[in-house]
Amino acid sequence: MSTEKSKKISIRTVERLNSTNTDTAVQAIEELKETGNVHYIPVLVELLHTTDSPEVKSQIRMLLAEIKQSDAIPLFIQAIENKKYANELQPLVSACWENGLDYSMHLSLFIDLVIEQELLVAFEAYTVITNMSGRISKEIVEKESRKLKDAMLQTNDQKKELMHDLLHFLPAFERGIEPQSY
């Protein structure tokens, strides 16, 4: 998905995305991979929420995982924070680590997801955190570590293990973490 200077989205493309014909919707998603802009993310998230088509859902998930423009980050965060999309949390959070964008400015949100959500979403959020890069202040690291320690007293063993790992990972942010090379 390429960034376009224009924030405009095509009504025709939105209509095709929302088509009851799966092939039409999938073709529109494919075209967005080549020519779309990040401003279609809210439309795609809404379609992920409303469609009954497994193929359309799958294509949207793949597209969201491939987005590389940093101006998409606030759009992902808005969708994750929107309670309306609670059933789409797992694919939305998964897309955050798969697309490789840096969500370190939203560390607290992902810590909260590890603490508050069921294991599958918690694990996806854990993966986003462990793939973050950059430097985070000592104060933020300490605040998030306290949240994790408090939550560990009230959670199951699987999530406790994720939280324990994060407690050992977070201090590295004070020194700065370079992006992982693959």
Protein backbone atom coordinates (compact mmCIF):
# COMPACT_ATOMS: atom_id res chain seq x y z
CA MET A 1 0.00 0.00 0.00
CA SER A 2 1.65 3.20 -1.11
CA THR A 3 1.30 6.56 0.52
CA GLU A 4 -0.50 9.15 -1.54
CA LYS A 5 -0.36 12.84 -0.82
CA SER A 6 -4.13 13.03 -1.11
CA LYS A 7 -6.22 11.96 1.85
CA LYS A 8 -9.12 11.37 -0.50
CA ILE A 9 -10.55 7.94 -0.91
CA SER A 10 -12.57 6.87 -3.89
CA ILE A 11 -16.26 6.27 -3.29
CA ARG A 12 -16.14 3.75 -6.14
CA THR A 13 -13.36 1.81 -4.39
CA VAL A 14 -15.30 1.85 -1.10
CA GLU A 15 -18.37 0.55 -2.92
CA ARG A 16 -16.31 -2.25 -4.50
CA LEU A 17 -14.78 -3.13 -1.11
CA ASN A 18 -18.26 -3.38 0.38
CA SER A 19 -19.65 -5.38 -2.52
CA THR A 20 -21.69 -8.48 -1.70
CA ASN A 21 -19.72 -10.15 -4.50
CA THR A 22 -16.62 -11.62 -2.83
CA ASP A 23 -14.58 -11.52 -6.05
CA THR A 24 -15.28 -7.79 -6.48
CA ALA A 25 -14.26 -7.05 -2.89
CA VAL A 26 -11.10 -9.17 -3.15
CA GLN A 27 -10.14 -7.48 -6.42
CA ALA A 28 -10.56 -4.05 -4.79
CA ILE A 29 -8.35 -5.16 -1.88
CA GLU A 30 -5.72 -6.40 -4.35
CA GLU A 31 -5.78 -3.04 -6.13
CA LEU A 32 -5.27 -1.24 -2.80
CA LYS A 33 -2.08 -3.26 -2.29
CA GLU A 34 -0.73 -1.61 -5.43
CA THR A 35 -2.37 1.80 -5.62
CA GLY A 36 -4.14 2.52 -2.33
CA ASN A 37 -3.27 4.84 0.47
CA VAL A 38 -3.27 4.40 4.24
CA HIS A 39 -6.50 6.38 4.54
CA TYR A 40 -8.38 3.24 3.49
CA ILE A 41 -7.41 1.54 6.77
CA PRO A 42 -10.59 2.62 8.62
CA VAL A 43 -12.68 1.31 5.71
CA LEU A 44 -10.77 -1.98 5.74
CA VAL A 45 -11.10 -2.35 9.51
CA GLU A 46 -14.84 -1.72 9.29
CA LEU A 47 -15.11 -4.29 6.50
CA LEU A 48 -13.11 -6.77 8.58
CA HIS A 49 -15.70 -6.17 11.30
CA THR A 50 -18.80 -6.49 9.11
CA THR A 51 -18.04 -9.03 6.38
CA ASP A 52 -19.01 -12.65 6.65
CA SER A 53 -16.62 -13.68 3.89
CA PRO A 54 -13.59 -15.62 5.18
CA GLU A 55 -11.75 -14.80 1.94
CA VAL A 56 -12.32 -11.05 2.30
CA LYS A 57 -11.25 -11.21 5.96
CA SER A 58 -8.10 -13.10 4.98
CA GLN A 59 -7.20 -10.62 2.23
CA ILE A 60 -7.71 -7.65 4.59
CA ARG A 61 -5.48 -9.26 7.22
CA MET A 62 -2.73 -9.83 4.65
CA LEU A 63 -2.98 -6.24 3.40
CA LEU A 64 -2.84 -4.77 6.92
CA ALA A 65 0.24 -6.88 7.66
CA GLU A 66 2.03 -5.49 4.60
CA ILE A 67 1.54 -1.76 5.24
CA LYS A 68 4.90 -0.03 5.69
CA GLN A 69 3.98 3.68 5.98
CA SER A 70 4.43 5.13 9.45
CA ASP A 71 1.44 7.43 8.97
CA ALA A 72 -0.66 4.26 9.29
CA ILE A 73 0.29 3.88 12.97
CA PRO A 74 -2.36 6.28 14.37
CA LEU A 75 -5.02 4.55 12.26
CA PHE A 76 -4.08 1.15 13.68
CA ILE A 77 -4.06 2.57 17.22
CA GLN A 78 -7.51 4.15 16.75
CA ALA A 79 -8.91 0.83 15.54
CA ILE A 80 -7.33 -1.10 18.43
CA GLU A 81 -8.67 1.39 20.98
CA ASN A 82 -12.18 1.34 19.48
CA LYS A 83 -14.34 -1.02 21.56
CA LYS A 84 -16.47 -1.64 18.47
CA TYR A 85 -13.62 -3.70 17.05
CA ALA A 86 -13.08 -5.89 20.11
CA ASN A 87 -13.65 -9.02 18.00
CA GLU A 88 -10.99 -7.86 15.54
CA LEU A 89 -8.29 -7.18 18.16
CA GLN A 90 -6.26 -10.30 17.39
CA PRO A 91 -5.81 -9.60 13.65
CA LEU A 92 -5.32 -5.86 14.25
CA VAL A 93 -2.63 -6.35 16.90
CA SER A 94 -1.05 -9.12 14.85
CA ALA A 95 -0.79 -6.74 11.87
CA CYS A 96 1.16 -4.32 14.10
CA TRP A 97 4.09 -6.67 14.53
CA GLU A 98 3.80 -8.18 11.05
CA ASN A 99 4.00 -4.80 9.30
CA GLY A 100 7.19 -3.94 11.19
CA LEU A 101 6.22 -0.38 12.03
CA ASP A 102 7.50 1.11 15.29
CA TYR A 103 4.76 1.33 17.90
CA SER A 104 7.09 2.25 20.79
CA MET A 105 5.20 5.51 21.37
CA HIS A 106 2.24 3.30 22.26
CA LEU A 107 4.02 0.95 24.66
CA SER A 108 1.47 1.53 27.41
CA LEU A 109 -1.43 0.47 25.16
CA PHE A 110 0.30 -2.80 24.25
CA ILE A 111 1.22 -3.47 27.90
CA ASP A 112 -2.47 -2.97 28.75
CA LEU A 113 -3.44 -5.45 26.03
CA VAL A 114 -1.05 -8.03 27.49
CA ILE A 115 -2.61 -7.49 30.92
CA GLU A 116 -6.29 -7.17 30.03
CA GLN A 117 -6.93 -9.33 26.98
CA GLU A 118 -7.26 -13.06 26.49
CA LEU A 119 -4.08 -15.04 25.81
CA LEU A 120 -4.10 -14.90 21.99
CA VAL A 121 -4.39 -11.10 21.89
CA ALA A 122 -1.97 -10.80 24.82
CA PHE A 123 0.61 -12.84 22.94
CA GLU A 124 0.21 -10.68 19.81
CA ALA A 125 0.69 -7.53 21.95
CA TYR A 126 3.73 -9.13 23.60
CA THR A 127 5.16 -9.72 20.13
CA VAL A 128 4.57 -6.08 19.15
CA ILE A 129 6.43 -4.95 22.28
CA THR A 130 9.40 -7.27 21.76
CA ASN A 131 9.71 -6.00 18.18
CA MET A 132 9.73 -2.32 19.16
CA SER A 133 12.82 -0.20 18.73
CA GLY A 134 14.00 3.11 20.07
CA ARG A 135 14.51 4.53 23.51
CA ILE A 136 11.97 4.99 26.26
CA SER A 137 12.49 7.01 29.41
CA LYS A 138 13.33 5.34 32.70
CA GLU A 139 10.12 6.77 34.18
CA ILE A 140 7.93 5.09 31.55
CA VAL A 141 9.81 1.80 31.89
CA GLU A 142 9.32 1.91 35.67
CA LYS A 143 5.62 2.81 35.37
CA GLU A 144 4.94 -0.02 32.89
CA SER A 145 6.98 -2.46 34.98
CA ARG A 146 4.86 -1.61 38.04
CA LYS A 147 1.69 -2.26 36.05
CA LEU A 148 3.03 -5.65 34.97
CA LYS A 149 4.10 -6.61 38.51
CA ASP A 150 0.67 -5.71 39.89
CA ALA A 151 -1.10 -7.62 37.13
CA MET A 152 1.06 -10.72 37.65
CA LEU A 153 -0.55 -11.16 41.06
CA GLN A 154 -3.96 -11.69 39.46
CA THR A 155 -3.41 -13.59 36.22
CA ASN A 156 -2.99 -17.14 34.94
CA ASP A 157 0.37 -18.86 34.53
CA GLN A 158 0.57 -18.43 30.74
CA LYS A 159 0.04 -14.68 30.86
CA LYS A 160 2.25 -14.44 33.94
CA GLU A 161 5.09 -15.90 31.85
CA LEU A 162 4.58 -13.26 29.13
CA MET A 163 4.57 -10.50 31.75
CA HIS A 164 7.67 -11.91 33.43
CA ASP A 165 9.51 -11.88 30.09
CA LEU A 166 8.44 -8.28 29.49
CA LEU A 167 9.74 -7.25 32.90
CA HIS A 168 13.18 -8.45 31.79
CA PHE A 169 12.81 -6.91 28.32
CA LEU A 170 11.63 -3.39 29.27
CA PRO A 171 14.92 -2.16 30.84
CA ALA A 172 16.58 -2.53 27.43
CA PHE A 173 14.41 0.39 26.26
CA GLU A 174 16.28 2.71 28.61
CA ARG A 175 19.49 1.99 26.72
CA GLY A 176 17.74 2.07 23.35
CA ILE A 177 16.87 -0.86 21.15
CA GLU A 178 17.82 -1.02 17.50
CA PRO A 179 15.33 -2.43 15.01
CA GLN A 180 15.74 -6.15 14.49
CA SER A 181 17.33 -7.14 11.22
CA TYR A 182 15.97 -10.15 9.45
